[in-house]
C-alpha cells in the first residue's frame, strides 16, 4: 500500500505534466497567431490548473508538515500559514 505522501506526489506530478502540455499548447497558439480570445481562454485554463496543483500541494503540506509542526513548532506553522494567506490575498 502506498503512503498518502506518495499518492499526493504522483497526483502533483500528473497535474504538473498537464500544465506543461497546456503551456506547450499556448506557445503553439501564440506562434501560429491564434485568435486572442482563444489565447486568453487557454491562459485561463492554465491558471485554473495551477490553482488545482496548489490545492494538492497545500493539502500535502497540511497533512505531512503542519500537523507535525503544530505538535513541535506551532509558531513556525502559524507564521508560514499566515504568510501564505497574505500572499494569496493581495
PDB file of N, CA and C in Angstrom:
ATOM      1  N   UNK A   1       0.837  -1.191   0.000  1.00  0.00           N
ATOM      2  CA  UNK A   1       0.000   0.000   0.000  1.00  0.00           C
ATOM      3  C   UNK A   1       0.875   1.245   0.000  1.00  0.00           C
ATOM      4  N   UNK A   2       0.561   2.180  -0.882  1.00  0.00           N
ATOM      5  CA  UNK A   2       1.337   3.410  -0.975  1.00  0.00           C
ATOM      6  C   UNK A   2       0.967   4.373   0.147  1.00  0.00           C
ATOM      7  N   UNK A   3       1.936   5.154   0.557  1.00  0.00           N
ATOM      8  CA  UNK A   3       1.665   6.162   1.581  1.00  0.00           C
ATOM      9  C   UNK A   3       0.865   7.312   0.977  1.00  0.00           C
ATOM     10  N   UNK A   4       0.196   8.054   1.829  1.00  0.00           N
ATOM     11  CA  UNK A   4      -0.554   9.232   1.384  1.00  0.00           C
ATOM     12  C   UNK A   4       0.386  10.222   0.693  1.00  0.00           C
ATOM     13  N   UNK A   5       1.583  10.347   1.225  1.00  0.00           N
ATOM     14  CA  UNK A   5       2.563  11.267   0.652  1.00  0.00           C
ATOM     15  C   UNK A   5       2.861  10.888  -0.798  1.00  0.00           C
ATOM     16  N   UNK A   6       3.064   9.601  -1.064  1.00  0.00           N
ATOM     17  CA  UNK A   6       3.379   9.155  -2.416  1.00  0.00           C
ATOM     18  C   UNK A   6       2.198   9.386  -3.344  1.00  0.00           C
ATOM     19  N   UNK A   7       0.978   9.157  -2.857  1.00  0.00           N
ATOM     20  CA  UNK A   7      -0.206   9.424  -3.665  1.00  0.00           C
ATOM     21  C   UNK A   7      -0.266  10.892  -4.075  1.00  0.00           C
ATOM     22  N   UNK A   8      -0.005  11.782  -3.140  1.00  0.00           N
ATOM     23  CA  UNK A   8      -0.050  13.215  -3.438  1.00  0.00           C
ATOM     24  C   UNK A   8       1.088  13.617  -4.375  1.00  0.00           C
ATOM     25  N   UNK A   9       2.238  12.990  -4.210  1.00  0.00           N
ATOM     26  CA  UNK A   9       3.365  13.277  -5.108  1.00  0.00           C
ATOM     27  C   UNK A   9       3.006  12.876  -6.537  1.00  0.00           C
ATOM     28  N   UNK A  10       2.413  11.720  -6.698  1.00  0.00           N
ATOM     29  CA  UNK A  10       2.008  11.263  -8.023  1.00  0.00           C
ATOM     30  C   UNK A  10       0.926  12.165  -8.610  1.00  0.00           C
ATOM     31  N   UNK A  11      -0.024  12.576  -7.777  1.00  0.00           N
ATOM     32  CA  UNK A  11      -1.075  13.475  -8.252  1.00  0.00           C
ATOM     33  C   UNK A  11      -0.500  14.826  -8.659  1.00  0.00           C
ATOM     34  N   UNK A  12       0.435  15.345  -7.885  1.00  0.00           N
ATOM     35  CA  UNK A  12       1.075  16.618  -8.216  1.00  0.00           C
ATOM     36  C   UNK A  12       1.846  16.497  -9.525  1.00  0.00           C
ATOM     37  N   UNK A  13       2.561  15.395  -9.715  1.00  0.00           N
ATOM     38  CA  UNK A  13       3.321  15.199 -10.954  1.00  0.00           C
ATOM     39  C   UNK A  13       2.387  15.110 -12.157  1.00  0.00           C
ATOM     40  N   UNK A  14       1.270  14.432 -11.989  1.00  0.00           N
ATOM     41  CA  UNK A  14       0.294  14.319 -13.076  1.00  0.00           C
ATOM     42  C   UNK A  14      -0.244  15.700 -13.457  1.00  0.00           C
ATOM     43  N   UNK A  15      -0.609  16.472 -12.451  1.00  0.00           N
ATOM     44  CA  UNK A  15      -1.133  17.821 -12.718  1.00  0.00           C
ATOM     45  C   UNK A  15      -0.067  18.714 -13.343  1.00  0.00           C
ATOM     46  N   UNK A  16       1.176  18.568 -12.892  1.00  0.00           N
ATOM     47  CA  UNK A  16       2.273  19.344 -13.468  1.00  0.00           C
ATOM     48  C   UNK A  16       2.445  19.006 -14.946  1.00  0.00           C
ATOM     49  N   UNK A  17       2.377  17.734 -15.291  1.00  0.00           N
ATOM     50  CA  UNK A  17       2.523  17.329 -16.689  1.00  0.00           C
ATOM     51  C   UNK A  17       1.392  17.874 -17.555  1.00  0.00           C
ATOM     52  N   UNK A  18       0.193  17.929 -17.001  1.00  0.00           N
ATOM     53  CA  UNK A  18      -0.927  18.527 -17.725  1.00  0.00           C
ATOM     54  C   UNK A  18      -0.646  19.997 -17.990  1.00  0.00           C
ATOM     55  N   UNK A  19      -0.143  20.696 -16.974  1.00  0.00           N
ATOM     56  CA  UNK A  19       0.163  22.122 -17.121  1.00  0.00           C
ATOM     57  C   UNK A  19       1.241  22.329 -18.186  1.00  0.00           C
ATOM     58  N   UNK A  20       2.266  21.482 -18.178  1.00  0.00           N
ATOM     59  CA  UNK A  20       3.303  21.584 -19.210  1.00  0.00           C
ATOM     60  C   UNK A  20       2.694  21.436 -20.600  1.00  0.00           C
ATOM     61  N   UNK A  21       1.787  20.483 -20.758  1.00  0.00           N
ATOM     62  CA  UNK A  21       1.123  20.301 -22.042  1.00  0.00           C
ATOM     63  C   UNK A  21       0.289  21.514 -22.429  1.00  0.00           C
ATOM     64  N   UNK A  22      -0.392  22.082 -21.452  1.00  0.00           N
ATOM     65  CA  UNK A  22      -1.186  23.286 -21.722  1.00  0.00           C
ATOM     66  C   UNK A  22      -0.282  24.451 -22.114  1.00  0.00           C
ATOM     67  N   UNK A  23       0.848  24.573 -21.445  1.00  0.00           N
ATOM     68  CA  UNK A  23       1.799  25.648 -21.772  1.00  0.00           C
ATOM     69  C   UNK A  23       2.354  25.472 -23.178  1.00  0.00           C
ATOM     70  N   UNK A  24       2.703  24.236 -23.526  1.00  0.00           N
ATOM     71  CA  UNK A  24       3.186  23.968 -24.884  1.00  0.00           C
ATOM     72  C   UNK A  24       2.119  24.320 -25.911  1.00  0.00           C
ATOM     73  N   UNK A  25       0.864  23.980 -25.585  1.00  0.00           N
ATOM     74  CA  UNK A  25      -0.237  24.321 -26.485  1.00  0.00           C
ATOM     75  C   UNK A  25      -0.390  25.820 -26.639  1.00  0.00           C
ATOM     76  N   UNK A  26      -0.267  26.554 -25.547  1.00  0.00           N
ATOM     77  CA  UNK A  26      -0.358  28.008 -25.618  1.00  0.00           C
ATOM     78  C   UNK A  26       0.786  28.584 -26.449  1.00  0.00           C
ATOM     79  N   UNK A  27       1.977  28.035 -26.300  1.00  0.00           N
ATOM     80  CA  UNK A  27       3.118  28.516 -27.096  1.00  0.00           C
ATOM     81  C   UNK A  27       2.857  28.299 -28.586  1.00  0.00           C
ATOM     82  N   UNK A  28       2.328  27.136 -28.941  1.00  0.00           N
ATOM     83  CA  UNK A  28       1.993  26.868 -30.350  1.00  0.00           C
ATOM     84  C   UNK A  28       0.938  27.849 -30.846  1.00  0.00           C
ATOM     85  N   UNK A  29      -0.044  28.101 -30.002  1.00  0.00           N
ATOM     86  CA  UNK A  29      -1.103  29.033 -30.392  1.00  0.00           C
ATOM     87  C   UNK A  29      -0.548  30.432 -30.629  1.00  0.00           C
ATOM     88  N   UNK A  30       0.372  30.862 -29.764  1.00  0.00           N
ATOM     89  CA  UNK A  30       0.997  32.178 -29.945  1.00  0.00           C
ATOM     90  C   UNK A  30       1.810  32.188 -31.231  1.00  0.00           C
ATOM     91  N   UNK A  31       2.605  31.135 -31.449  1.00  0.00           N
ATOM     92  CA  UNK A  31       3.429  31.049 -32.660  1.00  0.00           C
ATOM     93  C   UNK A  31       2.591  31.087 -33.930  1.00  0.00           C
ATOM     94  N   UNK A  32       1.384  30.509 -33.853  1.00  0.00           N
ATOM     95  CA  UNK A  32       0.510  30.432 -35.018  1.00  0.00           C
ATOM     96  C   UNK A  32      -0.467  31.602 -35.099  1.00  0.00           C
ATOM     97  N   UNK A  33      -0.251  32.622 -34.277  1.00  0.00           N
ATOM     98  CA  UNK A  33      -1.090  33.830 -34.276  1.00  0.00           C
ATOM     99  C   UNK A  33      -2.578  33.510 -34.150  1.00  0.00           C
ATOM    100  N   UNK A  34      -2.891  32.636 -33.195  1.00  0.00           N
ATOM    101  CA  UNK A  34      -4.295  32.289 -32.961  1.00  0.00           C
ATOM    102  C   UNK A  34      -5.061  33.512 -32.462  1.00  0.00           C
ATOM    103  N   UNK A  35      -6.360  33.408 -32.527  1.00  0.00           N
ATOM    104  CA  UNK A  35      -7.276  34.454 -32.093  1.00  0.00           C
ATOM    105  C   UNK A  35      -7.045  34.763 -30.603  1.00  0.00           C
ATOM    106  N   UNK A  36      -7.008  36.045 -30.273  1.00  0.00           N
ATOM    107  CA  UNK A  36      -6.673  36.489 -28.912  1.00  0.00           C
ATOM    108  C   UNK A  36      -7.576  35.862 -27.851  1.00  0.00           C
ATOM    109  N   UNK A  37      -8.861  35.743 -28.138  1.00  0.00           N
ATOM    110  CA  UNK A  37      -9.771  35.154 -27.143  1.00  0.00           C
ATOM    111  C   UNK A  37      -9.424  33.684 -26.894  1.00  0.00           C
ATOM    112  N   UNK A  38      -8.973  32.986 -27.924  1.00  0.00           N
ATOM    113  CA  UNK A  38      -8.548  31.600 -27.742  1.00  0.00           C
ATOM    114  C   UNK A  38      -7.296  31.534 -26.874  1.00  0.00           C
ATOM    115  N   UNK A  39      -6.381  32.482 -27.079  1.00  0.00           N
ATOM    116  CA  UNK A  39      -5.175  32.553 -26.247  1.00  0.00           C
ATOM    117  C   UNK A  39      -5.542  32.818 -24.791  1.00  0.00           C
ATOM    118  N   UNK A  40      -6.438  33.746 -24.578  1.00  0.00           N
ATOM    119  CA  UNK A  40      -6.863  34.077 -23.221  1.00  0.00           C
ATOM    120  C   UNK A  40      -7.570  32.899 -22.556  1.00  0.00           C
ATOM    121  N   UNK A  41      -8.403  32.201 -23.311  1.00  0.00           N
ATOM    122  CA  UNK A  41      -9.075  31.030 -22.746  1.00  0.00           C
ATOM    123  C   UNK A  41      -8.069  29.951 -22.363  1.00  0.00           C
ATOM    124  N   UNK A  42      -7.049  29.755 -23.177  1.00  0.00           N
ATOM    125  CA  UNK A  42      -6.014  28.774 -22.846  1.00  0.00           C
ATOM    126  C   UNK A  42      -5.238  29.225 -21.606  1.00  0.00           C
ATOM    127  N   UNK A  43      -4.926  30.517 -21.538  1.00  0.00           N
ATOM    128  CA  UNK A  43      -4.213  31.052 -20.382  1.00  0.00           C
ATOM    129  C   UNK A  43      -5.030  30.866 -19.101  1.00  0.00           C
ATOM    130  N   UNK A  44      -6.325  31.116 -19.178  1.00  0.00           N
ATOM    131  CA  UNK A  44      -7.192  30.929 -18.011  1.00  0.00           C
ATOM    132  C   UNK A  44      -7.258  29.456 -17.604  1.00  0.00           C
ATOM    133  N   UNK A  45      -7.262  28.565 -18.572  1.00  0.00           N
ATOM    134  CA  UNK A  45      -7.254  27.133 -18.265  1.00  0.00           C
ATOM    135  C   UNK A  45      -5.974  26.760 -17.523  1.00  0.00           C
ATOM    136  N   UNK A  46      -4.855  27.333 -17.939  1.00  0.00           N
ATOM    137  CA  UNK A  46      -3.577  27.085 -17.275  1.00  0.00           C
ATOM    138  C   UNK A  46      -3.614  27.613 -15.846  1.00  0.00           C
ATOM    139  N   UNK A  47      -4.151  28.810 -15.658  1.00  0.00           N
ATOM    140  CA  UNK A  47      -4.233  29.382 -14.322  1.00  0.00           C
ATOM    141  C   UNK A  47      -5.097  28.513 -13.407  1.00  0.00           C
ATOM    142  N   UNK A  48      -6.191  27.987 -13.935  1.00  0.00           N
ATOM    143  CA  UNK A  48      -7.045  27.103 -13.136  1.00  0.00           C
ATOM    144  C   UNK A  48      -6.322  25.800 -12.802  1.00  0.00           C
ATOM    145  N   UNK A  49      -5.545  25.297 -13.740  1.00  0.00           N
ATOM    146  CA  UNK A  49      -4.771  24.078 -13.486  1.00  0.00           C
ATOM    147  C   UNK A  49      -3.719  24.327 -12.409  1.00  0.00           C
ATOM    148  N   UNK A  50      -3.102  25.501 -12.432  1.00  0.00           N
ATOM    149  CA  UNK A  50      -2.129  25.854 -11.392  1.00  0.00           C
ATOM    150  C   UNK A  50      -2.798  25.917 -10.020  1.00  0.00           C
ATOM    151  N   UNK A  51      -3.991  26.468  -9.969  1.00  0.00           N
ATOM    152  CA  UNK A  51      -4.722  26.526  -8.699  1.00  0.00           C
ATOM    153  C   UNK A  51      -5.032  25.117  -8.199  1.00  0.00           C
ATOM    154  N   UNK A  52      -5.351  24.230  -9.118  1.00  0.00           N
ATOM    155  CA  UNK A  52      -5.621  22.847  -8.746  1.00  0.00           C
ATOM    156  C   UNK A  52      -4.357  22.186  -8.202  1.00  0.00           C
ATOM    157  N   UNK A  53      -3.226  22.446  -8.823  1.00  0.00           N
ATOM    158  CA  UNK A  53      -1.950  21.932  -8.327  1.00  0.00           C
ATOM    159  C   UNK A  53      -1.644  22.523  -6.951  1.00  0.00           C
ATOM    160  N   UNK A  54      -1.891  23.808  -6.784  1.00  0.00           N
ATOM    161  CA  UNK A  54      -1.684  24.445  -5.474  1.00  0.00           C
ATOM    162  C   UNK A  54      -2.482  23.739  -4.386  1.00  0.00           C
ATOM    163  N   UNK A  55      -3.712  23.367  -4.696  1.00  0.00           N
ATOM    164  CA  UNK A  55      -4.562  22.695  -3.710  1.00  0.00           C
ATOM    165  C   UNK A  55      -3.964  21.350  -3.303  1.00  0.00           C
ATOM    166  N   UNK A  56      -3.427  20.615  -4.267  1.00  0.00           N
ATOM    167  CA  UNK A  56      -2.796  19.329  -3.960  1.00  0.00           C
ATOM    168  C   UNK A  56      -1.571  19.535  -3.077  1.00  0.00           C
ATOM    169  N   UNK A  57      -0.732  20.506  -3.442  1.00  0.00           N
ATOM    170  CA  UNK A  57       0.480  20.774  -2.674  1.00  0.00           C
ATOM    171  C   UNK A  57       0.146  21.265  -1.269  1.00  0.00           C
ATOM    172  N   UNK A  58      -0.870  22.105  -1.162  1.00  0.00           N
ATOM    173  CA  UNK A  58      -1.259  22.629   0.144  1.00  0.00           C
ATOM    174  C   UNK A  58      -1.792  21.514   1.040  1.00  0.00           C
ATOM    175  N   UNK A  59      -2.621  20.635   0.476  1.00  0.00           N
ATOM    176  CA  UNK A  59      -3.134  19.513   1.261  1.00  0.00           C
ATOM    177  C   UNK A  59      -1.986  18.628   1.746  1.00  0.00           C
ATOM    178  N   UNK A  60      -1.036  18.376   0.850  1.00  0.00           N
ATOM    179  CA  UNK A  60       0.118  17.560   1.235  1.00  0.00           C
ATOM    180  C   UNK A  60       0.888  18.218   2.369  1.00  0.00           C
ATOM    181  N   UNK A  61       1.079  19.528   2.272  1.00  0.00           N
ATOM    182  CA  UNK A  61       1.804  20.248   3.317  1.00  0.00           C
ATOM    183  C   UNK A  61       1.062  20.168   4.648  1.00  0.00           C
ATOM    184  N   UNK A  62      -0.252  20.363   4.603  1.00  0.00           N
ATOM    185  CA  UNK A  62      -1.037  20.290   5.838  1.00  0.00           C
ATOM    186  C   UNK A  62      -0.936  18.917   6.491  1.00  0.00           C
ATOM    187  N   UNK A  63      -1.047  17.883   5.687  1.00  0.00           N
ATOM    188  CA  UNK A  63      -1.072  16.526   6.249  1.00  0.00           C
ATOM    189  C   UNK A  63       0.301  16.021   6.654  1.00  0.00           C
ATOM    190  N   UNK A  64       1.363  16.498   6.002  1.00  0.00           N
ATOM    191  CA  UNK A  64       2.687  15.952   6.299  1.00  0.00           C
ATOM    192  C   UNK A  64       3.526  16.838   7.207  1.00  0.00           C
ATOM    193  N   UNK A  65       3.387  18.143   7.087  1.00  0.00           N
ATOM    194  CA  UNK A  65       4.259  19.034   7.848  1.00  0.00           C
ATOM    195  C   UNK A  65       3.535  19.819   8.937  1.00  0.00           C
ATOM    196  N   UNK A  66       2.413  20.403   8.584  1.00  0.00           N
ATOM    197  CA  UNK A  66       1.722  21.270   9.540  1.00  0.00           C
ATOM    198  C   UNK A  66       1.242  20.481  10.751  1.00  0.00           C
ATOM    199  N   UNK A  67       0.721  19.300  10.527  1.00  0.00           N
ATOM    200  CA  UNK A  67       0.257  18.509  11.666  1.00  0.00           C
ATOM    201  C   UNK A  67       1.412  18.223  12.626  1.00  0.00           C
ATOM    202  N   UNK A  68       2.571  17.928  12.092  1.00  0.00           N
ATOM    203  CA  UNK A  68       3.763  17.704  12.924  1.00  0.00           C
ATOM    204  C   UNK A  68       4.205  19.011  13.604  1.00  0.00           C
ATOM    205  N   UNK A  69       4.207  20.106  12.836  1.00  0.00           N
ATOM    206  CA  UNK A  69       4.649  21.385  13.380  1.00  0.00           C
ATOM    207  C   UNK A  69       3.749  21.861  14.511  1.00  0.00           C
ATOM    208  N   UNK A  70       2.460  21.607  14.419  1.00  0.00           N
ATOM    209  CA  UNK A  70       1.568  22.051  15.495  1.00  0.00           C
ATOM    210  C   UNK A  70       1.876  21.351  16.812  1.00  0.00           C
ATOM    211  N   UNK A  71       2.463  20.175  16.722  1.00  0.00           N
ATOM    212  CA  UNK A  71       2.859  19.474  17.941  1.00  0.00           C
ATOM    213  C   UNK A  71       4.242  19.879  18.426  1.00  0.00           C
ATOM    214  N   UNK A  72       5.106  20.330  17.527  1.00  0.00           N
ATOM    215  CA  UNK A  72       6.502  20.584  17.884  1.00  0.00           C
ATOM    216  C   UNK A  72       6.980  22.019  17.633  1.00  0.00           C
ATOM    217  N   UNK A  73       6.435  22.663  16.616  1.00  0.00           N
ATOM    218  CA  UNK A  73       6.874  24.018  16.244  1.00  0.00           C
ATOM    219  C   UNK A  73       5.656  24.858  15.856  1.00  0.00           C
ATOM    220  N   UNK A  74       4.765  25.048  16.787  1.00  0.00           N
ATOM    221  CA  UNK A  74       3.490  25.699  16.493  1.00  0.00           C
ATOM    222  C   UNK A  74       3.671  27.090  15.882  1.00  0.00           C
ATOM    223  N   UNK A  75       4.594  27.876  16.413  1.00  0.00           N
ATOM    224  CA  UNK A  75       4.794  29.237  15.899  1.00  0.00           C
ATOM    225  C   UNK A  75       5.244  29.224  14.445  1.00  0.00           C
ATOM    226  N   UNK A  76       6.114  28.277  14.098  1.00  0.00           N
ATOM    227  CA  UNK A  76       6.572  28.163  12.709  1.00  0.00           C
ATOM    228  C   UNK A  76       5.390  27.838  11.798  1.00  0.00           C
ATOM    229  N   UNK A  77       4.569  26.891  12.212  1.00  0.00           N
ATOM    230  CA  UNK A  77       3.409  26.510  11.408  1.00  0.00           C
ATOM    231  C   UNK A  77       2.479  27.707  11.205  1.00  0.00           C
ATOM    232  N   UNK A  78       2.194  28.402  12.265  1.00  0.00           N
ATOM    233  CA  UNK A  78       1.289  29.546  12.188  1.00  0.00           C
ATOM    234  C   UNK A  78       1.869  30.638  11.307  1.00  0.00           C
ATOM    235  N   UNK A  79       3.131  30.965  11.480  1.00  0.00           N
ATOM    236  CA  UNK A  79       3.731  32.052  10.689  1.00  0.00           C
ATOM    237  C   UNK A  79       3.792  31.694   9.204  1.00  0.00           C
ATOM    238  N   UNK A  80       4.082  30.428   8.888  1.00  0.00           N
ATOM    239  CA  UNK A  80       4.097  30.025   7.475  1.00  0.00           C
ATOM    240  C   UNK A  80       2.708  30.120   6.853  1.00  0.00           C
ATOM    241  N   UNK A  81       1.698  29.669   7.582  1.00  0.00           N
ATOM    242  CA  UNK A  81       0.338  29.709   7.044  1.00  0.00           C
ATOM    243  C   UNK A  81      -0.176  31.136   6.910  1.00  0.00           C
ATOM    244  N   UNK A  82       0.153  31.984   7.873  1.00  0.00           N
ATOM    245  CA  UNK A  82      -0.249  33.394   7.789  1.00  0.00           C
ATOM    246  C   UNK A  82       0.443  34.068   6.605  1.00  0.00           C
ATOM    247  N   UNK A  83       1.727  33.807   6.416  1.00  0.00           N
ATOM    248  CA  UNK A  83       2.462  34.392   5.272  1.00  0.00           C
ATOM    249  C   UNK A  83       1.859  33.927   3.945  1.00  0.00           C
ATOM    250  N   UNK A  84       1.521  32.667   3.848  1.00  0.00           N
ATOM    251  CA  UNK A  84       0.909  32.142   2.629  1.00  0.00           C
ATOM    252  C   UNK A  84      -0.442  32.794   2.405  1.00  0.00           C
ATOM    253  N   UNK A  85      -1.234  32.906   3.450  1.00  0.00           N
ATOM    254  CA  UNK A  85      -2.543  33.555   3.333  1.00  0.00           C
ATOM    255  C   UNK A  85      -2.397  34.978   2.823  1.00  0.00           C
ATOM    256  N   UNK A  86      -1.447  35.714   3.362  1.00  0.00           N
ATOM    257  CA  UNK A  86      -1.235  37.103   2.939  1.00  0.00           C
ATOM    258  C   UNK A  86      -0.832  37.184   1.468  1.00  0.00           C
ATOM    259  N   UNK A  87       0.043  36.266   1.031  1.00  0.00           N
ATOM    260  CA  UNK A  87       0.478  36.271  -0.374  1.00  0.00           C
ATOM    261  C   UNK A  87      -0.668  35.939  -1.309  1.00  0.00           C
ATOM    262  N   UNK A  88      -1.562  35.061  -0.901  1.00  0.00           N
ATOM    263  CA  UNK A  88      -2.649  34.667  -1.784  1.00  0.00           C
ATOM    264  C   UNK A  88      -3.810  35.672  -1.784  1.00  0.00           C
ATOM    265  N   UNK A  89      -3.803  36.601  -0.843  1.00  0.00           N
ATOM    266  CA  UNK A  89      -4.909  37.567  -0.749  1.00  0.00           C
ATOM    267  C   UNK A  89      -4.465  38.997  -0.988  1.00  0.00           C
ATOM    268  N   UNK A  90      -3.471  39.169  -1.815  1.00  0.00           N
ATOM    269  CA  UNK A  90      -3.022  40.536  -2.168  1.00  0.00           C
ATOM    270  C   UNK A  90      -3.922  41.106  -3.239  1.00  0.00           C
TER     271      UNK A  90
END
